[in-house]
Protein backbone atom coordinates (compact mmCIF):
# COMPACT_ATOMS: atom_id res chain seq x y z
CA UNK A 1 -6.77 -23.15 4.43
CA UNK A 2 -6.38 -22.57 8.23
CA UNK A 3 -5.01 -25.13 10.39
CA UNK A 4 -7.57 -27.59 11.40
CA UNK A 5 -6.50 -28.56 14.71
CA UNK A 6 -6.87 -26.10 17.29
CA UNK A 7 -5.30 -26.14 20.60
CA UNK A 8 -7.41 -25.70 23.29
CA UNK A 9 -4.61 -24.25 25.58
CA UNK A 10 -4.07 -21.36 23.53
CA UNK A 11 -5.25 -19.04 26.38
CA UNK A 12 -2.91 -19.18 29.15
CA UNK A 13 -1.79 -17.29 32.10
CA UNK A 14 1.37 -15.87 32.21
CA UNK A 15 3.35 -14.52 35.12
CA UNK A 16 4.74 -10.64 34.82
CA UNK A 17 8.24 -12.25 34.80
CA UNK A 18 7.12 -13.99 31.37
CA UNK A 19 6.05 -10.86 30.05
CA UNK A 20 8.54 -8.56 30.80
CA UNK A 21 6.13 -5.60 31.11
CA UNK A 22 7.31 -2.02 31.38
CA UNK A 23 5.88 -0.18 34.28
CA UNK A 24 3.96 3.08 33.39
CA UNK A 25 4.60 2.62 29.61
CA UNK A 26 1.92 4.68 28.72
CA UNK A 27 3.04 7.55 31.01
CA UNK A 28 -0.07 8.09 32.87
CA UNK A 29 1.36 7.94 36.17
CA UNK A 30 3.56 10.77 37.76
CA UNK A 31 5.15 11.67 41.08
CA UNK A 32 5.91 15.41 40.54
CA UNK A 33 8.12 15.95 37.28
CA UNK A 34 9.08 11.86 37.49
CA UNK A 35 7.18 9.33 35.66
CA UNK A 36 6.70 6.50 38.11
CA UNK A 37 8.91 3.39 37.33
CA UNK A 38 11.26 5.37 35.52
CA UNK A 39 14.40 5.60 37.58
CA UNK A 40 17.16 6.55 35.64
CA UNK A 41 17.20 9.74 34.16
CA UNK A 42 20.61 11.70 33.59
CA UNK A 43 21.45 15.08 34.31
CA UNK A 44 21.57 15.90 30.44
CA UNK A 45 17.76 15.67 30.08
CA UNK A 46 14.65 16.83 32.09
CA UNK A 47 11.26 15.09 31.76
CA UNK A 48 7.91 16.51 32.82
CA UNK A 49 4.30 15.33 31.81
CA UNK A 50 2.66 16.56 28.86
CA UNK A 51 -1.12 16.41 28.38
CA UNK A 52 -1.14 18.49 25.04
CA UNK A 53 0.42 16.03 22.79
CA UNK A 54 0.18 12.06 23.46
CA UNK A 55 0.20 9.01 21.51
CA UNK A 56 -2.08 6.75 23.67
CA UNK A 57 -3.98 7.86 27.11
CA UNK A 58 -3.84 11.38 28.42
CA UNK A 59 -0.30 12.06 28.73
CA UNK A 60 3.31 11.65 27.59
CA UNK A 61 6.71 12.21 28.76
CA UNK A 62 8.35 15.67 27.32
CA UNK A 63 11.93 14.98 27.21
CA UNK A 64 13.81 18.19 27.11
CA UNK A 65 17.25 17.32 26.02
CA UNK A 66 19.81 20.30 27.63
CA UNK A 67 23.39 18.65 26.43
CA UNK A 68 25.15 17.73 23.67
CA UNK A 69 26.99 15.20 25.97
CA UNK A 70 25.46 11.90 25.08
CA UNK A 71 27.04 9.93 28.31
CA UNK A 72 24.39 12.12 30.35
CA UNK A 73 20.78 11.55 28.43
CA UNK A 74 19.40 8.08 29.19
CA UNK A 75 15.91 7.22 30.34
CA UNK A 76 15.32 3.77 31.49
CA UNK A 77 13.81 0.99 34.06
CA UNK A 78 14.81 -2.48 34.92
CA UNK A 79 12.42 -5.03 33.70
CA UNK A 80 12.20 -8.99 34.58
CA UNK A 81 12.92 -11.39 31.92
CA UNK A 82 12.82 -15.27 31.51
CA UNK A 83 15.47 -17.16 29.22
CA UNK A 84 14.35 -18.26 26.26
CA UNK A 85 11.48 -16.23 25.85
CA UNK A 86 11.45 -13.56 22.74
CA UNK A 87 9.97 -9.80 23.78
CA UNK A 88 8.98 -7.32 21.30
CA UNK A 89 10.06 -3.65 22.74
CA UNK A 90 8.83 -0.54 21.26
CA UNK A 91 8.35 3.15 21.91
CA UNK A 92 6.40 5.63 20.29
CA UNK A 93 8.79 9.12 19.47
CA UNK A 94 7.54 12.70 18.81
CA UNK A 95 10.18 15.10 17.29
CA UNK A 96 9.53 18.72 17.49
CA UNK A 97 12.72 20.47 15.79
CA UNK A 98 14.50 17.33 14.34
CA UNK A 99 17.99 18.20 15.87
CA UNK A 100 17.94 15.36 18.21
CA UNK A 101 17.12 11.79 17.74
CA UNK A 102 16.47 8.98 20.33
CA UNK A 103 17.86 5.46 20.63
CA UNK A 104 16.24 2.76 21.69
CA UNK A 105 17.92 0.88 24.89
CA UNK A 106 17.25 -2.70 25.25
CA UNK A 107 19.90 -4.53 27.60
CA UNK A 108 22.33 -2.56 25.08
CA UNK A 109 21.68 0.46 22.37
CA UNK A 110 19.59 -0.51 19.45
CA UNK A 111 18.12 1.25 16.64
CA UNK A 112 17.37 5.15 16.22
CA UNK A 113 14.35 7.33 15.36
CA UNK A 114 14.19 9.28 12.54
CA UNK A 115 14.55 13.10 13.58
CA UNK A 116 13.51 14.36 10.58
CA UNK A 117 9.95 13.05 11.10
CA UNK A 118 9.09 16.24 13.13
CA UNK A 119 5.23 16.68 14.61
CA UNK A 120 4.13 13.25 14.20
CA UNK A 121 4.39 9.97 16.15
CA UNK A 122 6.81 7.25 14.76
CA UNK A 123 7.65 3.84 16.43
CA UNK A 124 11.47 2.36 16.92
CA UNK A 125 11.45 -1.10 18.27
CA UNK A 126 13.78 -4.02 19.04
CA UNK A 127 12.84 -8.03 19.29
CA UNK A 128 14.98 -9.29 22.05
CA UNK A 129 15.30 -13.16 23.18
CA UNK A 130 16.30 -13.64 26.81
CA UNK A 131 19.48 -15.58 27.20
CA UNK A 132 19.10 -15.98 30.73
CA UNK A 133 16.42 -15.47 33.31
CA UNK A 134 16.89 -12.26 35.47
CA UNK A 135 16.59 -8.61 34.71
CA UNK A 136 17.64 -6.06 31.96
CA UNK A 137 17.52 -2.28 31.36
CA UNK A 138 15.21 -0.89 28.82
CA UNK A 139 14.84 2.90 27.90
CA UNK A 140 16.17 4.98 25.60
CA UNK A 141 19.03 7.73 25.12
CA UNK A 142 19.08 10.99 23.33
CA UNK A 143 21.45 12.10 20.59
CA UNK A 144 21.91 15.61 19.41
CA UNK A 145 22.74 16.10 15.59
CA UNK A 146 23.58 19.06 13.49
CA UNK A 147 21.62 22.06 13.99
CA UNK A 148 20.79 21.49 17.86
CA UNK A 149 20.98 24.68 19.81
CA UNK A 150 21.19 23.15 23.52
CA UNK A 151 17.29 22.55 24.03
CA UNK A 152 14.81 20.67 22.32
CA UNK A 153 11.78 18.63 23.73
CA UNK A 154 11.18 15.24 22.32
CA UNK A 155 7.95 13.39 23.26
CA UNK A 156 7.50 9.67 24.49
CA UNK A 157 4.99 7.32 24.90
CA UNK A 158 3.82 3.98 24.78
CA UNK A 159 6.78 2.26 25.81
CA UNK A 160 5.64 -1.51 25.27
CA UNK A 161 4.98 -4.13 26.37
CA UNK A 162 3.53 -2.15 29.21
CA UNK A 163 1.31 -3.23 32.25
CA UNK A 164 -0.93 -0.33 32.19
CA UNK A 165 -3.64 -1.63 30.26
CA UNK A 166 -2.37 -1.52 26.46
CA UNK A 167 -4.72 -3.32 23.97
CA UNK A 168 -1.93 -5.30 22.41
CA UNK A 169 -2.81 -4.34 18.69
CA UNK A 170 -0.31 -1.26 18.55
CA UNK A 171 -1.64 1.97 19.20
CA UNK A 172 -3.02 5.05 17.42
CA UNK A 173 -1.31 8.23 16.35
CA UNK A 174 -2.03 10.50 18.97
CA UNK A 175 -4.84 12.45 20.84
CA UNK A 176 -4.56 16.20 21.22
CA UNK A 177 -1.74 18.30 19.64
CA UNK A 178 -2.32 17.01 15.85
CA UNK A 179 -1.31 19.94 13.67
CA UNK A 180 -1.07 17.79 10.47
CA UNK A 181 -3.94 15.38 9.44
CA UNK A 182 -5.81 13.05 11.14
CA UNK A 183 -5.93 9.39 9.96
CA UNK A 184 -7.62 6.43 11.55
CA UNK A 185 -7.44 2.58 10.99
CA UNK A 186 -10.18 0.07 11.77
CA UNK A 187 -9.41 -3.30 11.67
CA UNK A 188 -11.05 -6.26 12.80
CA UNK A 189 -9.72 -9.65 13.03
CA UNK A 190 -10.88 -13.16 11.92
CA UNK A 191 -10.74 -16.42 14.25
CA UNK A 192 -7.22 -16.48 14.24
CA UNK A 193 -6.02 -13.02 15.10
CA UNK A 194 -2.46 -13.99 16.28
CA UNK A 195 -1.54 -14.48 12.38
CA UNK A 196 -2.25 -11.07 11.20
CA UNK A 197 0.34 -8.13 11.75
CA UNK A 198 0.24 -4.52 10.15
CA UNK A 199 2.78 -1.67 9.74
CA UNK A 200 2.36 1.67 8.44
CA UNK A 201 5.61 3.18 6.91
CA UNK A 202 6.29 6.67 5.27
CA UNK A 203 7.94 7.05 2.29
CA UNK A 204 11.56 6.32 3.48
CA UNK A 205 10.33 3.15 4.61
CA UNK A 206 10.73 4.47 8.23
CA UNK A 207 8.01 2.79 10.77
CA UNK A 208 5.50 4.97 11.57
CA UNK A 209 3.18 2.46 13.61
CA UNK A 210 2.59 -1.12 13.49
CA UNK A 211 0.56 -3.84 15.46
CA UNK A 212 0.66 -7.56 16.30
CA UNK A 213 -0.10 -10.18 18.68
CA UNK A 214 -3.79 -9.15 17.97
CA UNK A 215 -6.69 -10.93 19.70
CA UNK A 216 -8.97 -13.07 17.69
CA UNK A 217 -12.45 -11.70 16.56
CA UNK A 218 -11.54 -8.32 17.82
CA UNK A 219 -11.75 -4.72 16.18
CA UNK A 220 -9.15 -2.53 16.94
CA UNK A 221 -9.12 1.25 16.48
CA UNK A 222 -5.92 2.93 15.98
CA UNK A 223 -5.59 7.01 15.05
CA UNK A 224 -2.48 8.67 13.54
CA UNK A 225 -1.25 12.36 13.06
CA UNK A 226 0.34 12.42 9.83
CA UNK A 227 2.54 14.89 7.75
CA UNK A 228 2.02 15.58 4.40
CA UNK A 229 3.59 13.04 2.43
CA UNK A 230 3.03 9.41 0.83
CA UNK A 231 2.41 6.24 3.08
CA UNK A 232 2.13 2.55 2.81
CA UNK A 233 0.26 0.23 4.91
CA UNK A 234 1.01 -3.25 4.71
CA UNK A 235 -0.94 -6.15 6.47
CA UNK A 236 0.60 -9.81 6.94
CA UNK A 237 -1.09 -13.13 7.35
CA UNK A 238 1.38 -15.73 8.38
CA UNK A 239 -0.91 -18.46 7.32
CA UNK A 240 -1.55 -17.11 4.12
CA UNK A 241 -4.90 -16.97 3.72
CA UNK A 242 -6.15 -13.20 4.67
CA UNK A 243 -8.52 -12.30 7.24
CA UNK A 244 -11.69 -12.90 5.43
CA UNK A 245 -13.53 -14.77 4.67
CA UNK A 246 -13.74 -18.67 5.37
CA UNK A 247 -12.61 -18.48 9.21
CA UNK A 248 -14.00 -15.34 10.42
CA UNK A 249 -14.93 -11.96 8.51
CA UNK A 250 -12.00 -9.74 9.15
CA UNK A 251 -11.67 -6.57 7.52
CA UNK A 252 -9.78 -3.38 7.51
CA UNK A 253 -10.02 0.45 6.18
CA UNK A 254 -8.16 3.52 6.49
CA UNK A 255 -9.63 6.94 6.67
CA UNK A 256 -7.72 10.08 6.08
CA UNK A 257 -9.21 13.48 7.25
CA UNK A 258 -12.40 11.41 7.22
CA UNK A 259 -12.45 10.23 3.63
CA UNK A 260 -11.62 6.24 3.19
CA UNK A 261 -8.53 5.90 1.18
CA UNK A 262 -8.55 1.76 0.90
CA UNK A 263 -10.22 -1.14 2.63
CA UNK A 264 -10.01 -5.00 2.11
CA UNK A 265 -9.82 -8.38 4.28
CA UNK A 266 -9.27 -11.11 1.48
CA UNK A 267 -5.81 -11.49 0.23
CA UNK A 268 -2.98 -14.26 0.72
CA UNK A 269 0.14 -13.63 2.70
CA UNK A 270 0.11 -9.84 2.38
CA UNK A 271 -1.43 -6.84 0.97
CA UNK A 272 0.12 -3.55 0.69
CA UNK A 273 -1.68 0.16 0.09
CA UNK A 274 -0.06 3.15 -0.61
CA UNK A 275 -2.08 6.55 -0.16
CA UNK A 276 -0.77 10.28 -0.07
CA UNK A 277 -1.67 12.94 2.91
CA UNK A 278 -1.94 16.28 1.79
CA UNK A 279 -2.06 15.56 -1.96
CA UNK A 280 -5.77 14.38 -2.86
CA UNK A 281 -6.00 10.81 -2.81
CA UNK A 282 -2.41 9.92 -3.60
CA UNK A 283 -1.62 6.38 -4.14
CA UNK A 284 -5.07 5.56 -2.69
CA UNK A 285 -7.75 6.36 -5.18
CA UNK A 286 -9.66 8.45 -6.92
CA UNK A 287 -7.57 11.94 -8.00
CA UNK A 288 -9.15 15.19 -7.87
CA UNK A 289 -8.81 18.88 -7.07
CA UNK A 290 -6.22 19.81 -9.81
CA UNK A 291 -2.18 19.51 -9.65
CA UNK A 292 -1.58 21.84 -7.18
CA UNK A 293 -0.45 19.39 -4.16
CA UNK A 294 0.23 15.98 -5.47
CA UNK A 295 2.02 14.26 -2.85
CA UNK A 296 5.82 13.23 -2.85
CA UNK A 297 5.85 10.72 -5.78
CA UNK A 298 4.36 13.43 -8.03
CA UNK A 299 5.72 16.53 -6.77
CA UNK A 300 7.57 17.20 -9.95
CA UNK A 301 4.41 17.07 -11.77
CA UNK A 302 2.62 19.97 -9.57
CA UNK A 303 1.27 23.23 -11.41
CA UNK A 304 1.73 21.61 -14.64
CA UNK A 305 -0.79 20.78 -17.75
CA UNK A 306 -0.78 19.63 -21.09
CA UNK A 307 2.03 17.60 -22.88
CA UNK A 308 4.31 19.16 -20.28
CA UNK A 309 2.72 17.51 -17.67
CA UNK A 310 2.86 14.12 -19.36
CA UNK A 311 6.34 14.45 -19.89
CA UNK A 312 6.80 15.56 -16.22
CA UNK A 313 5.26 11.94 -15.63
CA UNK A 314 6.95 10.05 -17.76
CA UNK A 315 10.05 11.03 -15.93
CA UNK A 316 8.57 10.05 -12.77
CA UNK A 317 7.49 6.68 -13.79
CA UNK A 318 10.33 5.87 -16.37
CA UNK A 319 12.86 3.05 -15.50
CA UNK A 320 10.95 0.90 -13.56
CA UNK A 321 12.62 -2.39 -12.20
CA UNK A 322 11.90 -4.85 -15.04
CA UNK A 323 11.18 -8.26 -13.45
CA UNK A 324 10.76 -10.32 -16.73
CA UNK A 325 7.72 -12.05 -18.37
CA UNK A 326 7.95 -15.00 -16.05
CA UNK A 327 7.52 -13.06 -13.06
CA UNK A 328 4.03 -12.08 -14.10
CA UNK A 329 2.54 -15.67 -13.09
CA UNK A 330 3.73 -14.91 -9.29
CA UNK A 331 2.06 -11.46 -9.80
CA UNK A 332 -1.22 -13.01 -10.83
CA UNK A 333 -0.80 -15.42 -8.14
CA UNK A 334 -0.83 -13.04 -5.34
CA UNK A 335 -2.49 -9.95 -6.71
CA UNK A 336 -4.85 -10.88 -9.71
CA UNK A 337 -7.20 -12.43 -7.45
CA UNK A 338 -11.21 -12.05 -7.24
CA UNK A 339 -11.89 -9.97 -4.07
CA UNK A 340 -14.18 -7.97 -5.13
CA UNK A 341 -17.01 -9.80 -7.05
CA UNK A 342 -17.41 -13.56 -5.72
CA UNK A 343 -14.50 -12.98 -3.35
CA UNK A 344 -13.66 -16.56 -3.87
CA UNK A 345 -9.70 -15.88 -4.51
CA UNK A 346 -9.88 -17.43 -7.78
CA UNK A 347 -8.00 -15.62 -10.79
CA UNK A 348 -9.78 -12.31 -11.80
CA UNK A 349 -10.26 -12.68 -15.36
CA UNK A 350 -11.27 -9.67 -17.51
CA UNK A 351 -12.75 -11.85 -20.17
CA UNK A 352 -14.73 -14.06 -18.08
CA UNK A 353 -15.59 -12.43 -15.12
CA UNK A 354 -19.40 -11.65 -14.54
CA UNK A 355 -19.65 -8.60 -12.24
CA UNK A 356 -23.35 -8.83 -11.62
CA UNK A 357 -23.67 -12.64 -11.35
CA UNK A 358 -22.05 -15.91 -11.09
CA UNK A 359 -19.10 -16.34 -13.09
CA UNK A 360 -19.42 -19.00 -15.93
CA UNK A 361 -16.05 -20.85 -14.62
CA UNK A 362 -13.09 -20.33 -12.23
CA UNK A 363 -9.36 -20.45 -12.77
CA UNK A 364 -7.64 -21.64 -9.90
CA UNK A 365 -4.19 -19.78 -9.68
CA UNK A 366 -1.08 -21.53 -10.64
CA UNK A 367 -2.95 -24.80 -11.17
CA UNK A 368 -4.75 -23.49 -14.25
CA UNK A 369 -2.01 -21.31 -15.98
CA UNK A 370 -1.90 -21.81 -19.61
CA UNK A 371 -0.90 -24.71 -21.05
CA UNK A 372 -2.69 -25.40 -24.02
CA UNK A 373 -6.27 -24.92 -24.83
CA UNK A 374 -9.06 -25.48 -27.27
CA UNK A 375 -11.86 -23.36 -25.89
CA UNK A 376 -13.01 -21.16 -22.79
CA UNK A 377 -12.30 -22.27 -19.55
CA UNK A 378 -9.31 -24.41 -20.33
CA UNK A 379 -6.56 -21.96 -18.76
CA UNK A 380 -5.60 -18.64 -18.38
CA UNK A 381 -2.66 -16.79 -19.54
CA UNK A 382 -1.18 -12.98 -19.86
CA UNK A 383 -3.01 -10.83 -22.30
CA UNK A 384 -0.98 -7.89 -23.30
CA UNK A 385 -3.58 -5.36 -23.34
CA UNK A 386 -1.24 -3.17 -25.73
CA UNK A 387 -0.53 -6.09 -28.02
CA UNK A 388 3.52 -6.86 -28.12
CA UNK A 389 3.29 -7.04 -32.13
CA UNK A 390 2.43 -3.22 -31.68
CA UNK A 391 5.99 -2.38 -29.85
CA UNK A 392 8.06 -4.77 -32.21
CA UNK A 393 7.37 -8.23 -30.21
CA UNK A 394 9.15 -9.79 -26.92
CA UNK A 395 10.69 -6.67 -26.55
CA UNK A 396 11.54 -5.40 -22.88
CA UNK A 397 10.52 -3.91 -20.76
CA UNK A 398 7.10 -3.67 -22.21
CA UNK A 399 6.86 -7.31 -22.85
CA UNK A 400 6.54 -7.86 -18.86
CA UNK A 401 5.17 -4.39 -17.58
CA UNK A 402 2.45 -5.65 -15.51
CA UNK A 403 0.88 -2.34 -15.90
CA UNK A 404 -0.86 -3.40 -19.12
CA UNK A 405 -0.84 -7.05 -19.03
CA UNK A 406 -3.76 -8.84 -17.21
CA UNK A 407 -4.75 -12.10 -16.42
CA UNK A 408 -7.14 -13.45 -19.22
CA UNK A 409 -8.84 -16.73 -20.41
CA UNK A 410 -6.11 -18.32 -22.74
CA UNK A 411 -9.20 -19.21 -25.92
CA UNK A 412 -10.61 -15.55 -25.57
CA UNK A 413 -7.14 -14.14 -25.43
CA UNK A 414 -6.42 -15.60 -28.87
CA UNK A 415 -9.89 -14.57 -30.09
CA UNK A 416 -8.81 -11.00 -29.38
CA UNK A 417 -5.41 -11.38 -30.88
CA UNK A 418 -3.69 -8.23 -31.87
CA UNK A 419 -6.79 -6.52 -32.84
CA UNK A 420 -7.72 -2.98 -31.63
CA UNK A 421 -10.00 -2.42 -28.69
CA UNK A 422 -12.97 -0.87 -29.63
CA UNK A 423 -16.95 -0.91 -29.95
CA UNK A 424 -18.61 -3.70 -31.74
CA UNK A 425 -21.43 -3.32 -34.27
CA UNK A 426 -21.79 -7.00 -35.18
CA UNK A 427 -19.91 -9.51 -33.42
CA UNK A 428 -18.67 -12.60 -34.63
CA UNK A 429 -17.49 -14.26 -31.39
CA UNK A 430 -18.81 -13.19 -27.96
CA UNK A 431 -17.32 -14.74 -24.87
CA UNK A 432 -19.48 -16.18 -21.99
CA UNK A 433 -18.94 -12.79 -19.81
CA UNK A 434 -19.97 -11.04 -22.89
CA UNK A 435 -16.83 -9.46 -24.28
CA UNK A 436 -17.08 -9.28 -28.26
CA UNK A 437 -14.91 -9.52 -31.43
CA UNK A 438 -16.41 -7.98 -34.47
CA UNK A 439 -16.60 -5.28 -36.98
CA UNK A 440 -16.52 -1.88 -35.64
CA UNK A 441 -19.66 0.10 -34.86
CA UNK A 442 -20.95 2.54 -36.92
CA UNK A 443 -19.78 6.01 -35.94
CA UNK A 444 -16.61 4.67 -34.06
CA UNK A 445 -14.39 6.27 -36.65
CA UNK A 446 -12.69 3.15 -37.44
CA UNK A 447 -13.92 0.38 -39.91
CA UNK A 448 -12.36 -3.01 -39.27
CA UNK A 449 -12.44 -5.73 -36.96
CA UNK A 450 -12.27 -4.85 -33.14
CA UNK A 451 -12.70 -6.34 -29.80
CA UNK A 452 -14.83 -5.09 -27.15
CA UNK A 453 -14.41 -5.72 -23.53
CA UNK A 454 -17.30 -5.30 -21.08
CA UNK A 455 -18.01 -1.97 -19.44
CA UNK A 456 -16.64 -3.11 -16.17
CA UNK A 457 -13.28 -3.29 -17.43
CA UNK A 458 -13.26 -0.36 -20.45
CA UNK A 459 -11.92 2.16 -18.10
CA UNK A 460 -9.10 -0.12 -16.48
CA UNK A 461 -8.13 -0.75 -19.94
CA UNK A 462 -8.34 2.84 -20.94
CA UNK A 463 -5.97 3.69 -18.15
CA UNK A 464 -3.58 1.04 -19.14
CA UNK A 465 -3.68 2.51 -22.56
CA UNK A 466 -2.85 6.10 -21.20
CA UNK A 467 -0.05 4.67 -18.82
CA UNK A 468 1.49 3.18 -21.79
CA UNK A 469 1.37 6.47 -23.89
CA UNK A 470 3.43 8.17 -21.00
CA UNK A 471 5.69 5.46 -19.64
CA UNK A 472 7.02 4.85 -23.21
CA UNK A 473 6.71 8.64 -24.35
CA UNK A 474 10.29 8.52 -25.77
CA UNK A 475 10.18 5.32 -28.19
CA UNK A 476 6.45 4.97 -28.76
CA UNK A 477 6.53 7.43 -31.81
CA UNK A 478 8.37 4.86 -33.42
CA UNK A 479 5.74 2.01 -33.28
CA UNK A 480 3.06 3.22 -35.72
CA UNK A 481 4.51 0.87 -38.36
CA UNK A 482 5.17 -2.08 -36.60
CA UNK A 483 1.77 -3.34 -37.24
CA UNK A 484 -1.37 -2.79 -39.20
CA UNK A 485 -3.47 -2.87 -36.21
CA UNK A 486 -1.11 -0.99 -34.18
CA UNK A 487 -1.11 1.73 -37.15
CA UNK A 488 -4.80 2.17 -37.22
CA UNK A 489 -4.42 3.37 -33.15
CA UNK A 490 -1.00 5.31 -32.92
CA UNK A 491 -0.55 8.35 -35.00
CA UNK A 492 3.06 8.39 -34.73
CA UNK A 493 3.74 11.10 -32.02
CA UNK A 494 4.97 11.22 -28.78
CA UNK A 495 2.50 13.79 -27.54
CA UNK A 496 -0.80 12.92 -28.66
CA UNK A 497 0.06 9.12 -29.34
CA UNK A 498 -3.28 8.02 -30.42
CA UNK A 499 -5.56 8.56 -33.21
CA UNK A 500 -8.56 10.92 -32.78
CA UNK A 501 -10.89 7.91 -32.77
CA UNK A 502 -9.08 5.85 -30.38
CA UNK A 503 -8.32 8.75 -27.93
CA UNK A 504 -12.02 9.85 -27.94
CA UNK A 505 -13.35 6.36 -27.09
CA UNK A 506 -10.44 6.05 -24.28
CA UNK A 507 -11.20 9.04 -22.78
CA UNK A 508 -15.11 7.98 -22.93
CA UNK A 509 -14.37 4.51 -21.43
CA UNK A 510 -12.12 6.59 -18.54
CA UNK A 511 -15.22 8.69 -17.70
CA UNK A 512 -17.59 6.15 -17.99
CA UNK A 513 -15.87 3.57 -15.92
CA UNK A 514 -14.01 5.29 -13.05
CA UNK A 515 -11.16 4.06 -10.80
CA UNK A 516 -12.40 1.17 -8.87
CA UNK A 517 -11.08 -0.49 -5.32
CA UNK A 518 -9.51 -3.45 -7.69
CA UNK A 519 -7.71 -0.96 -9.68
CA UNK A 520 -6.20 0.92 -6.64
CA UNK A 521 -5.18 -2.47 -5.10
CA UNK A 522 -3.40 -3.58 -8.57
CA UNK A 523 -1.76 -0.24 -8.92
CA UNK A 524 -0.15 -0.62 -5.25
CA UNK A 525 0.93 -4.08 -5.93
CA UNK A 526 2.64 -3.34 -9.23
CA UNK A 527 4.48 -0.55 -7.79
CA UNK A 528 5.72 -3.13 -5.11
CA UNK A 529 6.42 -5.90 -8.04
CA UNK A 530 8.10 -3.25 -10.56
CA UNK A 531 8.67 -0.03 -8.97
CA UNK A 532 6.51 2.35 -10.57
CA UNK A 533 2.93 3.37 -10.47
CA UNK A 534 0.19 4.34 -13.18
CA UNK A 535 -0.64 7.90 -12.62
CA UNK A 536 -3.97 7.83 -14.12
CA UNK A 537 -5.37 5.36 -11.30
CA UNK A 538 -3.64 7.52 -8.85
CA UNK A 539 -5.13 11.01 -10.60
CA UNK A 540 -7.59 10.43 -12.84
CA UNK A 541 -8.00 14.09 -13.80
CA UNK A 542 -4.69 13.74 -15.40
CA UNK A 543 -6.07 12.25 -18.77
CA UNK A 544 -8.15 15.56 -19.31
CA UNK A 545 -5.26 17.71 -18.18
CA UNK A 546 -2.77 16.27 -20.32
CA UNK A 547 -5.39 15.28 -23.70
CA UNK A 548 -8.62 17.84 -22.70
CA UNK A 549 -11.89 17.01 -22.34
């Protein structure tokens, strides 16, 4: 919950001395080929105004590095600082060839840009706390690397904090000159905007853009020019209650080339979304378009189909970082919350959630962990959708693999036991949200007791099973005889994996219940938790590509 006490002096007047503002940090004001305010331009570089490639506004500084002598490539100015004040300096860099890198200067040399990120904007930054009141120099130095041919242009823009009207929320990824893919972030803050910050990073964890010091109840629109590859967006709330919905109606969404890849607003301390540019929906979504351009994470699977594709995916997702069975509680506390139906932040239990109405009861995270139970609503526990008896008991890493272990009502979980999922003909037990246990329906292809979840989660569970068939391809053929119920589902092979009746049902559930935003967000969180993804959430077409229609 937010702080109840609000200090009325939050909005104050600051002098330029306290703000350490960089003059002409947006490079909009020029005298000849010299940007106003920038007085230290050494002989090893020449600077000119560019209006074809800019990060913010109408122009940037095009720095032409013409010497490998790194002692004559500095580009600086002097700013005033106040003792004890902390300043967040940053600059946007756009490399063209990748044989020169920039180094931030803030009263000394700081971090480097990534010269391998060409034809896109990236940010380098440094937090600086002044030890005394006075002036310091800030700016950039340019370094040649292997392959430098004696002349290379690097574009510079949005050196912050600036006095040229910067919005403070971080800036977008360029106006004009975007030869790659355009992306746009829309972020609306809640009543406590200062608690919110965000960053966009690439597959190598290089920061492309970020935003902080946001105003309350304000909408920011940031644009980016992104090369093909995988990206991760992370939004943080320093107080730990997200940006929606108790203290304002904050929200965010990202579009890539006009298509939304993720959105959100309700989270705790952090929410993370991964997406791919140039490979369909990538980590963000709903697949599509065949396997010709899958992005960096699935690159080795491009052009493949059938069980060859399945093995390639196995090689990509195997060897994940096992976090242990106890860590599932923490994952649920942070990521298994209802931000999609009632949006109340309670545990999202697949066996009690009522998607089209009010839930019959709610579980409070941590407080309502099982524990003992004698009926529904007593507590929630960790449901192995793929029962652990099928793979031999508490065997790792299967026993702790979050991709198939969901938060669920403890009592209903015990009712499900290790029975196969299936379609029920005659129910002996029905949970409060309509999940059923009973004898199998006529025509299912299996005669026995089955457990049927509600339609809302059938696709989720089917994709969890396709994940298990792929992640454990190297061992799953040996699981057939571990359990009589597992034997009814598994066919003893490493390729098809499932008996024909069960495979047909999984494919039907997968097609009838497409990937949801809940699954996308959970997949992103699972990657952070154990460092692998569910390919069938990222690219639903993989199911048909491997097992046919």
